[in-house]
Amino acid sequence: MEVLYFAWVRERIGVPKERIESSAATVNDLIAELKAREPRYEAAFADLSALRVALDQELSEFDAPLAGVREVAFFPPMTGG
């Protein structure tokens, strides 16, 4: 699957996107796999309340299943105006 990072998430991880082979069943499982990789991922995902996730461009929850998902995007909450 393709994982996209936006705003400060991208800055902490250092790449805008990457292709990942994962056995994660849910978004939370994927985050746990990423955090175990190295400290920059741990820093990016330290506070999930400051993050949102979209699966195939649909806003989702962290307990959402990943079966069949092609794209996961992580980004901070957005404010509009």
PDB file of N, CA and C in Angstrom:
ATOM      1  N   MET A   1       0.840  -1.174   0.000  1.00  0.00           N
ATOM      2  CA  MET A   1       0.000   0.000   0.000  1.00  0.00           C
ATOM      3  C   MET A   1       0.884   1.236   0.000  1.00  0.00           C
ATOM      4  N   GLU A   2       0.314   2.329  -0.433  1.00  0.00           N
ATOM      5  CA  GLU A   2       1.046   3.590  -0.422  1.00  0.00           C
ATOM      6  C   GLU A   2       0.639   4.369   0.828  1.00  0.00           C
ATOM      7  N   VAL A   3       1.630   4.876   1.542  1.00  0.00           N
ATOM      8  CA  VAL A   3       1.380   5.661   2.743  1.00  0.00           C
ATOM      9  C   VAL A   3       1.857   7.082   2.477  1.00  0.00           C
ATOM     10  N   LEU A   4       0.959   8.042   2.679  1.00  0.00           N
ATOM     11  CA  LEU A   4       1.249   9.454   2.430  1.00  0.00           C
ATOM     12  C   LEU A   4       1.316  10.205   3.756  1.00  0.00           C
ATOM     13  N   TYR A   5       2.250  11.155   3.827  1.00  0.00           N
ATOM     14  CA  TYR A   5       2.415  11.970   5.037  1.00  0.00           C
ATOM     15  C   TYR A   5       2.300  13.438   4.647  1.00  0.00           C
ATOM     16  N   PHE A   6       1.539  14.208   5.411  1.00  0.00           N
ATOM     17  CA  PHE A   6       1.335  15.619   5.102  1.00  0.00           C
ATOM     18  C   PHE A   6       1.728  16.504   6.275  1.00  0.00           C
ATOM     19  N   ALA A   7       2.079  17.754   5.945  1.00  0.00           N
ATOM     20  CA  ALA A   7       2.402  18.805   6.913  1.00  0.00           C
ATOM     21  C   ALA A   7       3.530  18.370   7.854  1.00  0.00           C
ATOM     22  N   TRP A   8       3.360  18.577   9.164  1.00  0.00           N
ATOM     23  CA  TRP A   8       4.454  18.272  10.093  1.00  0.00           C
ATOM     24  C   TRP A   8       4.736  16.773  10.191  1.00  0.00           C
ATOM     25  N   VAL A   9       3.774  15.929   9.831  1.00  0.00           N
ATOM     26  CA  VAL A   9       4.033  14.482   9.832  1.00  0.00           C
ATOM     27  C   VAL A   9       5.133  14.176   8.814  1.00  0.00           C
ATOM     28  N   ARG A  10       5.007  14.753   7.615  1.00  0.00           N
ATOM     29  CA  ARG A  10       6.017  14.593   6.568  1.00  0.00           C
ATOM     30  C   ARG A  10       7.367  15.144   7.032  1.00  0.00           C
ATOM     31  N   GLU A  11       7.341  16.280   7.702  1.00  0.00           N
ATOM     32  CA  GLU A  11       8.587  16.887   8.171  1.00  0.00           C
ATOM     33  C   GLU A  11       9.307  15.995   9.175  1.00  0.00           C
ATOM     34  N   ARG A  12       8.565  15.384  10.073  1.00  0.00           N
ATOM     35  CA  ARG A  12       9.194  14.514  11.087  1.00  0.00           C
ATOM     36  C   ARG A  12       9.714  13.216  10.488  1.00  0.00           C
ATOM     37  N   ILE A  13       8.986  12.659   9.534  1.00  0.00           N
ATOM     38  CA  ILE A  13       9.411  11.389   8.938  1.00  0.00           C
ATOM     39  C   ILE A  13      10.458  11.607   7.858  1.00  0.00           C
ATOM     40  N   GLY A  14      10.349  12.715   7.133  1.00  0.00           N
ATOM     41  CA  GLY A  14      11.372  13.055   6.154  1.00  0.00           C
ATOM     42  C   GLY A  14      11.060  12.656   4.720  1.00  0.00           C
ATOM     43  N   VAL A  15       9.902  12.054   4.482  1.00  0.00           N
ATOM     44  CA  VAL A  15       9.493  11.702   3.116  1.00  0.00           C
ATOM     45  C   VAL A  15       7.997  12.008   2.966  1.00  0.00           C
ATOM     46  N   PRO A  16       7.558  12.376   1.747  1.00  0.00           N
ATOM     47  CA  PRO A  16       6.137  12.657   1.548  1.00  0.00           C
ATOM     48  C   PRO A  16       5.284  11.405   1.395  1.00  0.00           C
ATOM     49  N   LYS A  17       5.904  10.320   0.914  1.00  0.00           N
ATOM     50  CA  LYS A  17       5.158   9.069   0.749  1.00  0.00           C
ATOM     51  C   LYS A  17       6.126   7.909   0.626  1.00  0.00           C
ATOM     52  N   GLU A  18       5.600   6.712   0.841  1.00  0.00           N
ATOM     53  CA  GLU A  18       6.393   5.497   0.668  1.00  0.00           C
ATOM     54  C   GLU A  18       5.462   4.321   0.428  1.00  0.00           C
ATOM     55  N   ARG A  19       5.969   3.339  -0.268  1.00  0.00           N
ATOM     56  CA  ARG A  19       5.221   2.107  -0.505  1.00  0.00           C
ATOM     57  C   ARG A  19       5.626   1.122   0.584  1.00  0.00           C
ATOM     58  N   ILE A  20       4.624   0.546   1.252  1.00  0.00           N
ATOM     59  CA  ILE A  20       4.869  -0.326   2.398  1.00  0.00           C
ATOM     60  C   ILE A  20       4.173  -1.665   2.187  1.00  0.00           C
ATOM     61  N   GLU A  21       4.908  -2.720   2.452  1.00  0.00           N
ATOM     62  CA  GLU A  21       4.312  -4.054   2.539  1.00  0.00           C
ATOM     63  C   GLU A  21       4.028  -4.289   4.019  1.00  0.00           C
ATOM     64  N   SER A  22       2.777  -4.539   4.333  1.00  0.00           N
ATOM     65  CA  SER A  22       2.402  -4.664   5.740  1.00  0.00           C
ATOM     66  C   SER A  22       1.393  -5.783   5.930  1.00  0.00           C
ATOM     67  N   SER A  23       1.457  -6.405   7.085  1.00  0.00           N
ATOM     68  CA  SER A  23       0.461  -7.412   7.453  1.00  0.00           C
ATOM     69  C   SER A  23      -0.537  -6.826   8.450  1.00  0.00           C
ATOM     70  N   ALA A  24      -0.505  -5.512   8.634  1.00  0.00           N
ATOM     71  CA  ALA A  24      -1.378  -4.842   9.602  1.00  0.00           C
ATOM     72  C   ALA A  24      -2.848  -5.036   9.242  1.00  0.00           C
ATOM     73  N   ALA A  25      -3.653  -5.333  10.249  1.00  0.00           N
ATOM     74  CA  ALA A  25      -5.089  -5.524  10.035  1.00  0.00           C
ATOM     75  C   ALA A  25      -5.859  -4.210  10.136  1.00  0.00           C
ATOM     76  N   THR A  26      -5.349  -3.278  10.951  1.00  0.00           N
ATOM     77  CA  THR A  26      -6.020  -1.993  11.155  1.00  0.00           C
ATOM     78  C   THR A  26      -4.999  -0.865  11.039  1.00  0.00           C
ATOM     79  N   VAL A  27      -5.517   0.359  11.008  1.00  0.00           N
ATOM     80  CA  VAL A  27      -4.631   1.531  10.993  1.00  0.00           C
ATOM     81  C   VAL A  27      -3.749   1.533  12.240  1.00  0.00           C
ATOM     82  N   ASN A  28      -4.318   1.229  13.392  1.00  0.00           N
ATOM     83  CA  ASN A  28      -3.521   1.185  14.627  1.00  0.00           C
ATOM     84  C   ASN A  28      -2.372   0.184  14.508  1.00  0.00           C
ATOM     85  N   ASP A  29      -2.628  -0.965  13.889  1.00  0.00           N
ATOM     86  CA  ASP A  29      -1.571  -1.962  13.693  1.00  0.00           C
ATOM     87  C   ASP A  29      -0.471  -1.418  12.782  1.00  0.00           C
ATOM     88  N   LEU A  30      -0.881  -0.702  11.736  1.00  0.00           N
ATOM     89  CA  LEU A  30       0.098  -0.106  10.818  1.00  0.00           C
ATOM     90  C   LEU A  30       0.959   0.920  11.557  1.00  0.00           C
ATOM     91  N   ILE A  31       0.332   1.735  12.372  1.00  0.00           N
ATOM     92  CA  ILE A  31       1.074   2.732  13.144  1.00  0.00           C
ATOM     93  C   ILE A  31       2.078   2.049  14.067  1.00  0.00           C
ATOM     94  N   ALA A  32       1.673   0.962  14.703  1.00  0.00           N
ATOM     95  CA  ALA A  32       2.592   0.223  15.582  1.00  0.00           C
ATOM     96  C   ALA A  32       3.788  -0.296  14.791  1.00  0.00           C
ATOM     97  N   GLU A  33       3.553  -0.810  13.583  1.00  0.00           N
ATOM     98  CA  GLU A  33       4.655  -1.276  12.730  1.00  0.00           C
ATOM     99  C   GLU A  33       5.591  -0.124  12.368  1.00  0.00           C
ATOM    100  N   LEU A  34       5.009   1.019  12.012  1.00  0.00           N
ATOM    101  CA  LEU A  34       5.825   2.172  11.627  1.00  0.00           C
ATOM    102  C   LEU A  34       6.636   2.692  12.813  1.00  0.00           C
ATOM    103  N   LYS A  35       6.002   2.795  13.982  1.00  0.00           N
ATOM    104  CA  LYS A  35       6.700   3.294  15.171  1.00  0.00           C
ATOM    105  C   LYS A  35       7.881   2.402  15.548  1.00  0.00           C
ATOM    106  N   ALA A  36       7.775   1.116  15.258  1.00  0.00           N
ATOM    107  CA  ALA A  36       8.849   0.179  15.597  1.00  0.00           C
ATOM    108  C   ALA A  36      10.036   0.290  14.646  1.00  0.00           C
ATOM    109  N   ARG A  37       9.855   0.969  13.518  1.00  0.00           N
ATOM    110  CA  ARG A  37      10.922   1.089  12.516  1.00  0.00           C
ATOM    111  C   ARG A  37      12.124   1.883  13.025  1.00  0.00           C
ATOM    112  N   GLU A  38      11.862   3.102  13.488  1.00  0.00           N
ATOM    113  CA  GLU A  38      12.936   3.987  13.940  1.00  0.00           C
ATOM    114  C   GLU A  38      12.352   5.209  14.651  1.00  0.00           C
ATOM    115  N   PRO A  39      13.185   5.973  15.341  1.00  0.00           N
ATOM    116  CA  PRO A  39      12.698   7.083  16.176  1.00  0.00           C
ATOM    117  C   PRO A  39      11.897   8.156  15.438  1.00  0.00           C
ATOM    118  N   ARG A  40      12.197   8.418  14.186  1.00  0.00           N
ATOM    119  CA  ARG A  40      11.451   9.479  13.491  1.00  0.00           C
ATOM    120  C   ARG A  40       9.979   9.118  13.338  1.00  0.00           C
ATOM    121  N   TYR A  41       9.661   7.846  13.162  1.00  0.00           N
ATOM    122  CA  TYR A  41       8.261   7.413  13.102  1.00  0.00           C
ATOM    123  C   TYR A  41       7.631   7.483  14.486  1.00  0.00           C
ATOM    124  N   GLU A  42       8.387   7.090  15.491  1.00  0.00           N
ATOM    125  CA  GLU A  42       7.907   7.179  16.876  1.00  0.00           C
ATOM    126  C   GLU A  42       7.523   8.620  17.199  1.00  0.00           C
ATOM    127  N   ALA A  43       8.344   9.568  16.783  1.00  0.00           N
ATOM    128  CA  ALA A  43       8.058  10.983  17.027  1.00  0.00           C
ATOM    129  C   ALA A  43       6.822  11.447  16.262  1.00  0.00           C
ATOM    130  N   ALA A  44       6.686  11.026  15.033  1.00  0.00           N
ATOM    131  CA  ALA A  44       5.559  11.456  14.204  1.00  0.00           C
ATOM    132  C   ALA A  44       4.221  10.927  14.728  1.00  0.00           C
ATOM    133  N   PHE A  45       4.237   9.724  15.297  1.00  0.00           N
ATOM    134  CA  PHE A  45       2.998   9.103  15.750  1.00  0.00           C
ATOM    135  C   PHE A  45       2.863   9.076  17.273  1.00  0.00           C
ATOM    136  N   ALA A  46       3.602   9.941  17.967  1.00  0.00           N
ATOM    137  CA  ALA A  46       3.589   9.948  19.430  1.00  0.00           C
ATOM    138  C   ALA A  46       2.234  10.368  20.003  1.00  0.00           C
ATOM    139  N   ASP A  47       1.548  11.282  19.330  1.00  0.00           N
ATOM    140  CA  ASP A  47       0.273  11.796  19.846  1.00  0.00           C
ATOM    141  C   ASP A  47      -0.808  11.640  18.777  1.00  0.00           C
ATOM    142  N   LEU A  48      -1.526  10.538  18.808  1.00  0.00           N
ATOM    143  CA  LEU A  48      -2.530  10.273  17.775  1.00  0.00           C
ATOM    144  C   LEU A  48      -3.702  11.243  17.833  1.00  0.00           C
ATOM    145  N   SER A  49      -3.897  11.908  18.957  1.00  0.00           N
ATOM    146  CA  SER A  49      -4.987  12.886  19.025  1.00  0.00           C
ATOM    147  C   SER A  49      -4.699  14.090  18.130  1.00  0.00           C
ATOM    148  N   ALA A  50      -3.442  14.250  17.724  1.00  0.00           N
ATOM    149  CA  ALA A  50      -3.047  15.353  16.844  1.00  0.00           C
ATOM    150  C   ALA A  50      -3.003  14.922  15.383  1.00  0.00           C
ATOM    151  N   LEU A  51      -3.541  13.748  15.085  1.00  0.00           N
ATOM    152  CA  LEU A  51      -3.513  13.214  13.723  1.00  0.00           C
ATOM    153  C   LEU A  51      -4.886  12.805  13.240  1.00  0.00           C
ATOM    154  N   ARG A  52      -5.036  12.813  11.935  1.00  0.00           N
ATOM    155  CA  ARG A  52      -6.199  12.251  11.270  1.00  0.00           C
ATOM    156  C   ARG A  52      -5.673  11.262  10.236  1.00  0.00           C
ATOM    157  N   VAL A  53      -6.559  10.355   9.803  1.00  0.00           N
ATOM    158  CA  VAL A  53      -6.170   9.366   8.800  1.00  0.00           C
ATOM    159  C   VAL A  53      -7.264   9.259   7.745  1.00  0.00           C
ATOM    160  N   ALA A  54      -6.842   9.070   6.510  1.00  0.00           N
ATOM    161  CA  ALA A  54      -7.774   8.817   5.414  1.00  0.00           C
ATOM    162  C   ALA A  54      -7.357   7.528   4.726  1.00  0.00           C
ATOM    163  N   LEU A  55      -8.343   6.697   4.418  1.00  0.00           N
ATOM    164  CA  LEU A  55      -8.100   5.451   3.689  1.00  0.00           C
ATOM    165  C   LEU A  55      -8.736   5.597   2.315  1.00  0.00           C
ATOM    166  N   ASP A  56      -7.919   5.449   1.283  1.00  0.00           N
ATOM    167  CA  ASP A  56      -8.384   5.658  -0.096  1.00  0.00           C
ATOM    168  C   ASP A  56      -9.180   6.955  -0.213  1.00  0.00           C
ATOM    169  N   GLN A  57      -8.640   8.016   0.374  1.00  0.00           N
ATOM    170  CA  GLN A  57      -9.151   9.385   0.326  1.00  0.00           C
ATOM    171  C   GLN A  57     -10.486   9.583   1.036  1.00  0.00           C
ATOM    172  N   GLU A  58     -10.806   8.694   1.976  1.00  0.00           N
ATOM    173  CA  GLU A  58     -12.001   8.832   2.816  1.00  0.00           C
ATOM    174  C   GLU A  58     -11.556   8.937   4.272  1.00  0.00           C
ATOM    175  N   LEU A  59     -11.985   9.986   4.965  1.00  0.00           N
ATOM    176  CA  LEU A  59     -11.638  10.155   6.376  1.00  0.00           C
ATOM    177  C   LEU A  59     -12.068   8.921   7.157  1.00  0.00           C
ATOM    178  N   SER A  60     -11.163   8.392   7.975  1.00  0.00           N
ATOM    179  CA  SER A  60     -11.419   7.141   8.692  1.00  0.00           C
ATOM    180  C   SER A  60     -10.987   7.246  10.141  1.00  0.00           C
ATOM    181  N   GLU A  61     -11.202   6.159  10.867  1.00  0.00           N
ATOM    182  CA  GLU A  61     -10.800   6.047  12.270  1.00  0.00           C
ATOM    183  C   GLU A  61      -9.557   5.165  12.358  1.00  0.00           C
ATOM    184  N   PHE A  62      -8.854   5.250  13.474  1.00  0.00           N
ATOM    185  CA  PHE A  62      -7.627   4.481  13.653  1.00  0.00           C
ATOM    186  C   PHE A  62      -7.883   2.979  13.847  1.00  0.00           C
ATOM    187  N   ASP A  63      -9.117   2.610  14.196  1.00  0.00           N
ATOM    188  CA  ASP A  63      -9.417   1.188  14.325  1.00  0.00           C
ATOM    189  C   ASP A  63     -10.008   0.598  13.034  1.00  0.00           C
ATOM    190  N   ALA A  64     -10.007   1.375  11.955  1.00  0.00           N
ATOM    191  CA  ALA A  64     -10.558   0.916  10.676  1.00  0.00           C
ATOM    192  C   ALA A  64      -9.698  -0.201  10.083  1.00  0.00           C
ATOM    193  N   PRO A  65     -10.341  -1.195   9.458  1.00  0.00           N
ATOM    194  CA  PRO A  65      -9.583  -2.278   8.828  1.00  0.00           C
ATOM    195  C   PRO A  65      -8.871  -1.806   7.561  1.00  0.00           C
ATOM    196  N   LEU A  66      -7.744  -2.446   7.267  1.00  0.00           N
ATOM    197  CA  LEU A  66      -6.949  -2.090   6.095  1.00  0.00           C
ATOM    198  C   LEU A  66      -7.148  -3.041   4.911  1.00  0.00           C
ATOM    199  N   ALA A  67      -7.978  -4.052   5.066  1.00  0.00           N
ATOM    200  CA  ALA A  67      -8.190  -5.022   3.990  1.00  0.00           C
ATOM    201  C   ALA A  67      -8.654  -4.308   2.723  1.00  0.00           C
ATOM    202  N   GLY A  68      -7.920  -4.488   1.637  1.00  0.00           N
ATOM    203  CA  GLY A  68      -8.274  -3.902   0.355  1.00  0.00           C
ATOM    204  C   GLY A  68      -7.897  -2.441   0.177  1.00  0.00           C
ATOM    205  N   VAL A  69      -7.338  -1.819   1.205  1.00  0.00           N
ATOM    206  CA  VAL A  69      -6.963  -0.405   1.122  1.00  0.00           C
ATOM    207  C   VAL A  69      -5.685  -0.254   0.293  1.00  0.00           C
ATOM    208  N   ARG A  70      -5.696   0.702  -0.617  1.00  0.00           N
ATOM    209  CA  ARG A  70      -4.524   0.963  -1.459  1.00  0.00           C
ATOM    210  C   ARG A  70      -3.712   2.164  -0.983  1.00  0.00           C
ATOM    211  N   GLU A  71      -4.376   3.115  -0.292  1.00  0.00           N
ATOM    212  CA  GLU A  71      -3.690   4.340   0.122  1.00  0.00           C
ATOM    213  C   GLU A  71      -4.109   4.738   1.527  1.00  0.00           C
ATOM    214  N   VAL A  72      -3.109   5.029   2.354  1.00  0.00           N
ATOM    215  CA  VAL A  72      -3.322   5.524   3.713  1.00  0.00           C
ATOM    216  C   VAL A  72      -2.636   6.880   3.804  1.00  0.00           C
ATOM    217  N   ALA A  73      -3.357   7.895   4.263  1.00  0.00           N
ATOM    218  CA  ALA A  73      -2.784   9.230   4.405  1.00  0.00           C
ATOM    219  C   ALA A  73      -2.896   9.690   5.852  1.00  0.00           C
ATOM    220  N   PHE A  74      -1.794  10.218   6.372  1.00  0.00           N
ATOM    221  CA  PHE A  74      -1.765  10.771   7.730  1.00  0.00           C
ATOM    222  C   PHE A  74      -1.546  12.267   7.640  1.00  0.00           C
ATOM    223  N   PHE A  75      -2.324  13.031   8.425  1.00  0.00           N
ATOM    224  CA  PHE A  75      -2.231  14.488   8.368  1.00  0.00           C
ATOM    225  C   PHE A  75      -2.789  15.078   9.657  1.00  0.00           C
ATOM    226  N   PRO A  76      -2.391  16.308   9.994  1.00  0.00           N
ATOM    227  CA  PRO A  76      -2.940  16.951  11.194  1.00  0.00           C
ATOM    228  C   PRO A  76      -4.373  17.413  10.904  1.00  0.00           C
ATOM    229  N   PRO A  77      -5.168  17.655  11.953  1.00  0.00           N
ATOM    230  CA  PRO A  77      -6.514  18.186  11.743  1.00  0.00           C
ATOM    231  C   PRO A  77      -6.430  19.506  10.991  1.00  0.00           C
ATOM    232  N   MET A  78      -7.383  19.726  10.155  1.00  0.00           N
ATOM    233  CA  MET A  78      -7.385  20.959   9.365  1.00  0.00           C
ATOM    234  C   MET A  78      -8.461  21.908   9.894  1.00  0.00           C
ATOM    235  N   THR A  79      -8.130  23.163   9.860  1.00  0.00           N
ATOM    236  CA  THR A  79      -9.127  24.170  10.206  1.00  0.00           C
ATOM    237  C   THR A  79      -9.449  24.929   8.940  1.00  0.00           C
ATOM    238  N   GLY A  80     -10.656  25.337   8.830  1.00  0.00           N
ATOM    239  CA  GLY A  80     -11.074  26.035   7.612  1.00  0.00           C
ATOM    240  C   GLY A  80     -11.415  27.483   7.891  1.00  0.00           C
ATOM    241  N   GLY A  81     -11.615  28.174   6.822  1.00  0.00           N
ATOM    242  CA  GLY A  81     -11.980  29.561   7.000  1.00  0.00           C
ATOM    243  C   GLY A  81     -12.356  30.169   5.680  1.00  0.00           C
TER     244      GLY A  81
END
